[in-house]
Amino acid sequence: MKNIFIFLCFFSLIGCGGKTFLKTVSNVDINRYMGKWYVISARGIFVENKAYNSTETYTWNEEEKRIDVDFRMRKGSFDGEEKTYPQKAWIHNTATNAHLKIQFFWPLKFDYLILDIDADYQWVVVGVPSQRYLWVMARKPDIPDSKLEEILTRIDSMGYSTKDMRKVPQRW
């Protein structure tokens, strides 16, 4: 528990904060966004450096009017210890549903921006205003390299750096 607290404190200091807000997608159908996403490529927080089989599952919590987020990964290998990091998220911009506030621990909330999304909700790109973190996720554990390159090129053209992205190993 102490290590998790240290990790969360560190994350809050290096963070997702920043005053510059990048352009998000114009609209996210939050119902279609719910469900399981596989992390395909990331410039993530330090616990993700040796992540395998990373997933994020989003579930609408009607009672709390928020999204419950379940991040899971295997540490160091496909057979490594499974780590889970539950989070909470709230829709910050209800006009677009593309700007969320995510909470790893109380009371801090961080910006979570949906920068690009497939029309059929088969892939999504999520980032933070500082551009320090960036994730490409998909509904399936693998997408063709050509498709990933196309997605990253789109994000680069928006002025969001895709440098130092790590392809997350997925095997199911």
C-alpha atoms as a PDB file:
ATOM      1  CA  MET A   1       0.000   0.000   0.000  1.00  0.00           C
ATOM      2  CA  LYS A   2       2.906   2.329   0.796  1.00  0.00           C
ATOM      3  CA  ASN A   3       4.346   1.822  -2.709  1.00  0.00           C
ATOM      4  CA  ILE A   4       1.020   2.650  -4.320  1.00  0.00           C
ATOM      5  CA  PHE A   5       0.780   5.834  -2.258  1.00  0.00           C
ATOM      6  CA  ILE A   6       4.336   6.857  -3.268  1.00  0.00           C
ATOM      7  CA  PHE A   7       3.526   6.112  -6.917  1.00  0.00           C
ATOM      8  CA  LEU A   8       0.395   8.219  -6.799  1.00  0.00           C
ATOM      9  CA  CYS A   9       2.138  11.109  -5.068  1.00  0.00           C
ATOM     10  CA  PHE A  10       4.929  11.015  -7.640  1.00  0.00           C
ATOM     11  CA  PHE A  11       2.401  10.962 -10.472  1.00  0.00           C
ATOM     12  CA  SER A  12       0.621  13.973  -9.027  1.00  0.00           C
ATOM     13  CA  LEU A  13       3.858  15.963  -8.928  1.00  0.00           C
ATOM     14  CA  ILE A  14       5.053  15.227 -12.464  1.00  0.00           C
ATOM     15  CA  GLY A  15       1.732  15.234 -13.872  1.00  0.00           C
ATOM     16  CA  CYS A  16      -1.099  15.684 -16.007  1.00  0.00           C
ATOM     17  CA  GLY A  17      -1.518  19.286 -15.141  1.00  0.00           C
ATOM     18  CA  GLY A  18      -0.856  22.188 -17.371  1.00  0.00           C
ATOM     19  CA  LYS A  19      -2.680  25.213 -18.651  1.00  0.00           C
ATOM     20  CA  THR A  20      -2.538  24.415 -22.350  1.00  0.00           C
ATOM     21  CA  PHE A  21      -5.530  22.491 -23.586  1.00  0.00           C
ATOM     22  CA  LEU A  22      -5.221  20.730 -26.876  1.00  0.00           C
ATOM     23  CA  LYS A  23      -8.037  20.181 -29.279  1.00  0.00           C
ATOM     24  CA  THR A  24     -10.099  17.131 -28.447  1.00  0.00           C
ATOM     25  CA  VAL A  25     -12.550  15.297 -30.646  1.00  0.00           C
ATOM     26  CA  SER A  26     -15.814  17.134 -31.156  1.00  0.00           C
ATOM     27  CA  ASN A  27     -18.020  14.444 -29.637  1.00  0.00           C
ATOM     28  CA  VAL A  28     -17.721  11.155 -27.758  1.00  0.00           C
ATOM     29  CA  ASP A  29     -20.713   8.857 -27.411  1.00  0.00           C
ATOM     30  CA  ILE A  30     -20.021   7.888 -23.829  1.00  0.00           C
ATOM     31  CA  ASN A  31     -22.095   4.699 -24.071  1.00  0.00           C
ATOM     32  CA  ARG A  32     -20.022   3.490 -27.027  1.00  0.00           C
ATOM     33  CA  TYR A  33     -16.827   4.470 -25.199  1.00  0.00           C
ATOM     34  CA  MET A  34     -17.607   2.179 -22.260  1.00  0.00           C
ATOM     35  CA  GLY A  35     -16.083  -1.288 -22.226  1.00  0.00           C
ATOM     36  CA  LYS A  36     -12.671  -2.843 -22.577  1.00  0.00           C
ATOM     37  CA  TRP A  37      -9.788  -1.214 -24.410  1.00  0.00           C
ATOM     38  CA  TYR A  38      -6.367  -2.793 -25.013  1.00  0.00           C
ATOM     39  CA  VAL A  39      -3.379  -0.469 -24.632  1.00  0.00           C
ATOM     40  CA  ILE A  40      -1.555  -0.791 -27.958  1.00  0.00           C
ATOM     41  CA  SER A  41       1.084   1.905 -27.614  1.00  0.00           C
ATOM     42  CA  ALA A  42       1.902   4.277 -24.791  1.00  0.00           C
ATOM     43  CA  ARG A  43       4.114   6.932 -23.390  1.00  0.00           C
ATOM     44  CA  GLY A  44       2.724   6.148 -19.996  1.00  0.00           C
ATOM     45  CA  ILE A  45       3.504   6.621 -16.361  1.00  0.00           C
ATOM     46  CA  PHE A  46       6.516   4.798 -14.966  1.00  0.00           C
ATOM     47  CA  VAL A  47       4.606   1.706 -13.779  1.00  0.00           C
ATOM     48  CA  GLU A  48       3.749   1.031 -17.427  1.00  0.00           C
ATOM     49  CA  ASN A  49       7.394   0.840 -18.567  1.00  0.00           C
ATOM     50  CA  LYS A  50       7.426  -2.966 -18.450  1.00  0.00           C
ATOM     51  CA  ALA A  51       3.712  -3.563 -18.903  1.00  0.00           C
ATOM     52  CA  TYR A  52       2.321  -6.500 -20.848  1.00  0.00           C
ATOM     53  CA  ASN A  53      -1.340  -7.164 -21.684  1.00  0.00           C
ATOM     54  CA  SER A  54      -2.423  -3.714 -20.486  1.00  0.00           C
ATOM     55  CA  THR A  55      -6.145  -3.019 -20.583  1.00  0.00           C
ATOM     56  CA  GLU A  56      -8.503  -0.307 -19.419  1.00  0.00           C
ATOM     57  CA  THR A  57     -12.146  -1.118 -18.815  1.00  0.00           C
ATOM     58  CA  TYR A  58     -14.608   1.749 -18.491  1.00  0.00           C
ATOM     59  CA  THR A  59     -17.935   1.192 -16.737  1.00  0.00           C
ATOM     60  CA  TRP A  60     -20.617   3.828 -16.272  1.00  0.00           C
ATOM     61  CA  ASN A  61     -21.571   4.144 -12.595  1.00  0.00           C
ATOM     62  CA  GLU A  62     -25.118   5.485 -12.743  1.00  0.00           C
ATOM     63  CA  GLU A  63     -25.462   5.902  -8.987  1.00  0.00           C
ATOM     64  CA  GLU A  64     -22.343   8.093  -8.730  1.00  0.00           C
ATOM     65  CA  LYS A  65     -22.715   9.683 -12.219  1.00  0.00           C
ATOM     66  CA  ARG A  66     -19.129   8.801 -13.077  1.00  0.00           C
ATOM     67  CA  ILE A  67     -16.993   6.308 -14.929  1.00  0.00           C
ATOM     68  CA  ASP A  68     -15.243   3.545 -13.014  1.00  0.00           C
ATOM     69  CA  VAL A  69     -11.903   2.715 -14.650  1.00  0.00           C
ATOM     70  CA  ASP A  70     -10.147  -0.611 -14.170  1.00  0.00           C
ATOM     71  CA  PHE A  71      -6.543  -0.537 -15.443  1.00  0.00           C
ATOM     72  CA  ARG A  72      -4.828  -3.941 -15.497  1.00  0.00           C
ATOM     73  CA  MET A  73      -1.436  -5.097 -16.668  1.00  0.00           C
ATOM     74  CA  ARG A  74       1.125  -7.856 -16.254  1.00  0.00           C
ATOM     75  CA  LYS A  75       4.439  -6.680 -14.832  1.00  0.00           C
ATOM     76  CA  GLY A  76       7.574  -7.559 -16.832  1.00  0.00           C
ATOM     77  CA  SER A  77       6.217 -10.429 -18.934  1.00  0.00           C
ATOM     78  CA  PHE A  78       3.071 -12.166 -20.099  1.00  0.00           C
ATOM     79  CA  ASP A  79       3.340 -14.393 -17.024  1.00  0.00           C
ATOM     80  CA  GLY A  80       4.235 -11.562 -14.650  1.00  0.00           C
ATOM     81  CA  GLU A  81       2.201 -10.541 -11.659  1.00  0.00           C
ATOM     82  CA  GLU A  82      -1.094  -8.926 -12.576  1.00  0.00           C
ATOM     83  CA  LYS A  83      -1.362  -5.374 -11.284  1.00  0.00           C
ATOM     84  CA  THR A  84      -4.633  -3.478 -11.043  1.00  0.00           C
ATOM     85  CA  TYR A  85      -5.120   0.254 -10.601  1.00  0.00           C
ATOM     86  CA  PRO A  86      -8.770   1.261 -10.088  1.00  0.00           C
ATOM     87  CA  GLN A  87      -9.623   4.870 -10.906  1.00  0.00           C
ATOM     88  CA  LYS A  88     -12.653   7.135 -11.144  1.00  0.00           C
ATOM     89  CA  ALA A  89     -13.468   9.595 -13.903  1.00  0.00           C
ATOM     90  CA  TRP A  90     -16.007  12.368 -14.401  1.00  0.00           C
ATOM     91  CA  ILE A  91     -17.075  14.028 -17.621  1.00  0.00           C
ATOM     92  CA  HIS A  92     -15.667  17.546 -17.398  1.00  0.00           C
ATOM     93  CA  ASN A  93     -16.866  18.875 -20.753  1.00  0.00           C
ATOM     94  CA  THR A  94     -20.429  17.623 -21.180  1.00  0.00           C
ATOM     95  CA  ALA A  95     -20.779  19.356 -24.559  1.00  0.00           C
ATOM     96  CA  THR A  96     -18.224  16.968 -26.122  1.00  0.00           C
ATOM     97  CA  ASN A  97     -17.646  14.250 -23.477  1.00  0.00           C
ATOM     98  CA  ALA A  98     -14.019  14.366 -24.681  1.00  0.00           C
ATOM     99  CA  HIS A  99     -12.486  16.011 -21.613  1.00  0.00           C
ATOM    100  CA  LEU A 100     -12.646  13.947 -18.461  1.00  0.00           C
ATOM    101  CA  LYS A 101     -11.209  14.441 -15.005  1.00  0.00           C
ATOM    102  CA  ILE A 102      -9.639  11.265 -13.704  1.00  0.00           C
ATOM    103  CA  GLN A 103      -8.868  10.484 -10.096  1.00  0.00           C
ATOM    104  CA  PHE A 104      -6.222   8.006  -9.014  1.00  0.00           C
ATOM    105  CA  PHE A 105      -6.601   9.015  -5.402  1.00  0.00           C
ATOM    106  CA  TRP A 106      -8.628  11.560  -3.491  1.00  0.00           C
ATOM    107  CA  PRO A 107      -8.714  14.559  -3.696  1.00  0.00           C
ATOM    108  CA  LEU A 108      -6.657  15.093  -6.860  1.00  0.00           C
ATOM    109  CA  LYS A 109      -8.184  14.938 -10.335  1.00  0.00           C
ATOM    110  CA  PHE A 110      -6.237  15.134 -13.592  1.00  0.00           C
ATOM    111  CA  ASP A 111      -7.171  16.063 -17.142  1.00  0.00           C
ATOM    112  CA  TYR A 112      -7.834  13.199 -19.547  1.00  0.00           C
ATOM    113  CA  LEU A 113      -8.297  14.270 -23.154  1.00  0.00           C
ATOM    114  CA  ILE A 114      -9.745  12.154 -25.942  1.00  0.00           C
ATOM    115  CA  LEU A 115      -7.676  13.474 -28.827  1.00  0.00           C
ATOM    116  CA  ASP A 116      -8.839  11.183 -31.620  1.00  0.00           C
ATOM    117  CA  ILE A 117     -11.263   8.302 -31.964  1.00  0.00           C
ATOM    118  CA  ASP A 118     -12.286   5.963 -34.732  1.00  0.00           C
ATOM    119  CA  ALA A 119     -15.777   6.559 -36.128  1.00  0.00           C
ATOM    120  CA  ASP A 120     -16.624   2.938 -35.220  1.00  0.00           C
ATOM    121  CA  TYR A 121     -14.963   3.170 -31.774  1.00  0.00           C
ATOM    122  CA  GLN A 122     -12.334   0.577 -32.708  1.00  0.00           C
ATOM    123  CA  TRP A 123      -9.393   2.709 -31.515  1.00  0.00           C
ATOM    124  CA  VAL A 124      -8.861   5.834 -29.438  1.00  0.00           C
ATOM    125  CA  VAL A 125      -6.018   8.194 -28.562  1.00  0.00           C
ATOM    126  CA  VAL A 126      -5.927   9.700 -25.076  1.00  0.00           C
ATOM    127  CA  GLY A 127      -3.486  12.299 -23.782  1.00  0.00           C
ATOM    128  CA  VAL A 128      -2.909  14.979 -21.197  1.00  0.00           C
ATOM    129  CA  PRO A 129      -2.440  18.739 -21.703  1.00  0.00           C
ATOM    130  CA  SER A 130       1.302  18.664 -20.911  1.00  0.00           C
ATOM    131  CA  GLN A 131       1.793  16.003 -23.638  1.00  0.00           C
ATOM    132  CA  ARG A 132       3.852  13.989 -21.179  1.00  0.00           C
ATOM    133  CA  TYR A 133       1.555  10.972 -21.462  1.00  0.00           C
ATOM    134  CA  LEU A 134      -0.176   9.484 -24.477  1.00  0.00           C
ATOM    135  CA  TRP A 135      -2.027   6.218 -25.028  1.00  0.00           C
ATOM    136  CA  VAL A 136      -3.350   4.503 -28.153  1.00  0.00           C
ATOM    137  CA  MET A 137      -5.957   1.902 -27.287  1.00  0.00           C
ATOM    138  CA  ALA A 138      -8.059  -0.461 -29.369  1.00  0.00           C
ATOM    139  CA  ARG A 139     -10.978  -2.812 -28.914  1.00  0.00           C
ATOM    140  CA  LYS A 140      -8.810  -5.744 -29.995  1.00  0.00           C
ATOM    141  CA  PRO A 141      -5.389  -6.619 -28.563  1.00  0.00           C
ATOM    142  CA  ASP A 142      -3.611  -5.961 -31.832  1.00  0.00           C
ATOM    143  CA  ILE A 143      -3.914  -3.580 -34.741  1.00  0.00           C
ATOM    144  CA  PRO A 144      -1.778  -3.634 -37.885  1.00  0.00           C
ATOM    145  CA  ASP A 145       1.461  -1.657 -37.641  1.00  0.00           C
ATOM    146  CA  SER A 146       0.358   0.382 -40.654  1.00  0.00           C
ATOM    147  CA  LYS A 147      -2.820   1.426 -38.813  1.00  0.00           C
ATOM    148  CA  LEU A 148      -0.867   2.356 -35.680  1.00  0.00           C
ATOM    149  CA  GLU A 149       1.531   4.430 -37.785  1.00  0.00           C
ATOM    150  CA  GLU A 150      -1.437   6.167 -39.438  1.00  0.00           C
ATOM    151  CA  ILE A 151      -2.934   6.985 -36.032  1.00  0.00           C
ATOM    152  CA  LEU A 152       0.373   8.338 -34.693  1.00  0.00           C
ATOM    153  CA  THR A 153       0.850  10.447 -37.825  1.00  0.00           C
ATOM    154  CA  ARG A 154      -2.620  11.950 -37.306  1.00  0.00           C
ATOM    155  CA  ILE A 155      -1.738  12.861 -33.713  1.00  0.00           C
ATOM    156  CA  ASP A 156       1.621  14.335 -34.769  1.00  0.00           C
ATOM    157  CA  SER A 157      -0.180  16.487 -37.351  1.00  0.00           C
ATOM    158  CA  MET A 158      -2.355  17.854 -34.519  1.00  0.00           C
ATOM    159  CA  GLY A 159       0.809  19.118 -32.815  1.00  0.00           C
ATOM    160  CA  TYR A 160       0.851  16.410 -30.138  1.00  0.00           C
ATOM    161  CA  SER A 161       4.215  14.659 -29.903  1.00  0.00           C
ATOM    162  CA  THR A 162       4.222  10.900 -30.404  1.00  0.00           C
ATOM    163  CA  LYS A 163       7.947  10.638 -29.640  1.00  0.00           C
ATOM    164  CA  ASP A 164       9.069   7.817 -27.331  1.00  0.00           C
ATOM    165  CA  MET A 165       5.945   5.729 -27.716  1.00  0.00           C
ATOM    166  CA  ARG A 166       6.294   2.097 -26.576  1.00  0.00           C
ATOM    167  CA  LYS A 167       4.343  -0.669 -28.233  1.00  0.00           C
ATOM    168  CA  VAL A 168       2.707  -2.643 -25.428  1.00  0.00           C
ATOM    169  CA  PRO A 169       3.055  -6.411 -25.872  1.00  0.00           C
ATOM    170  CA  GLN A 170      -0.346  -8.088 -26.096  1.00  0.00           C
ATOM    171  CA  ARG A 171      -0.885 -11.869 -26.158  1.00  0.00           C
ATOM    172  CA  TRP A 172      -4.206 -13.428 -25.216  1.00  0.00           C
END
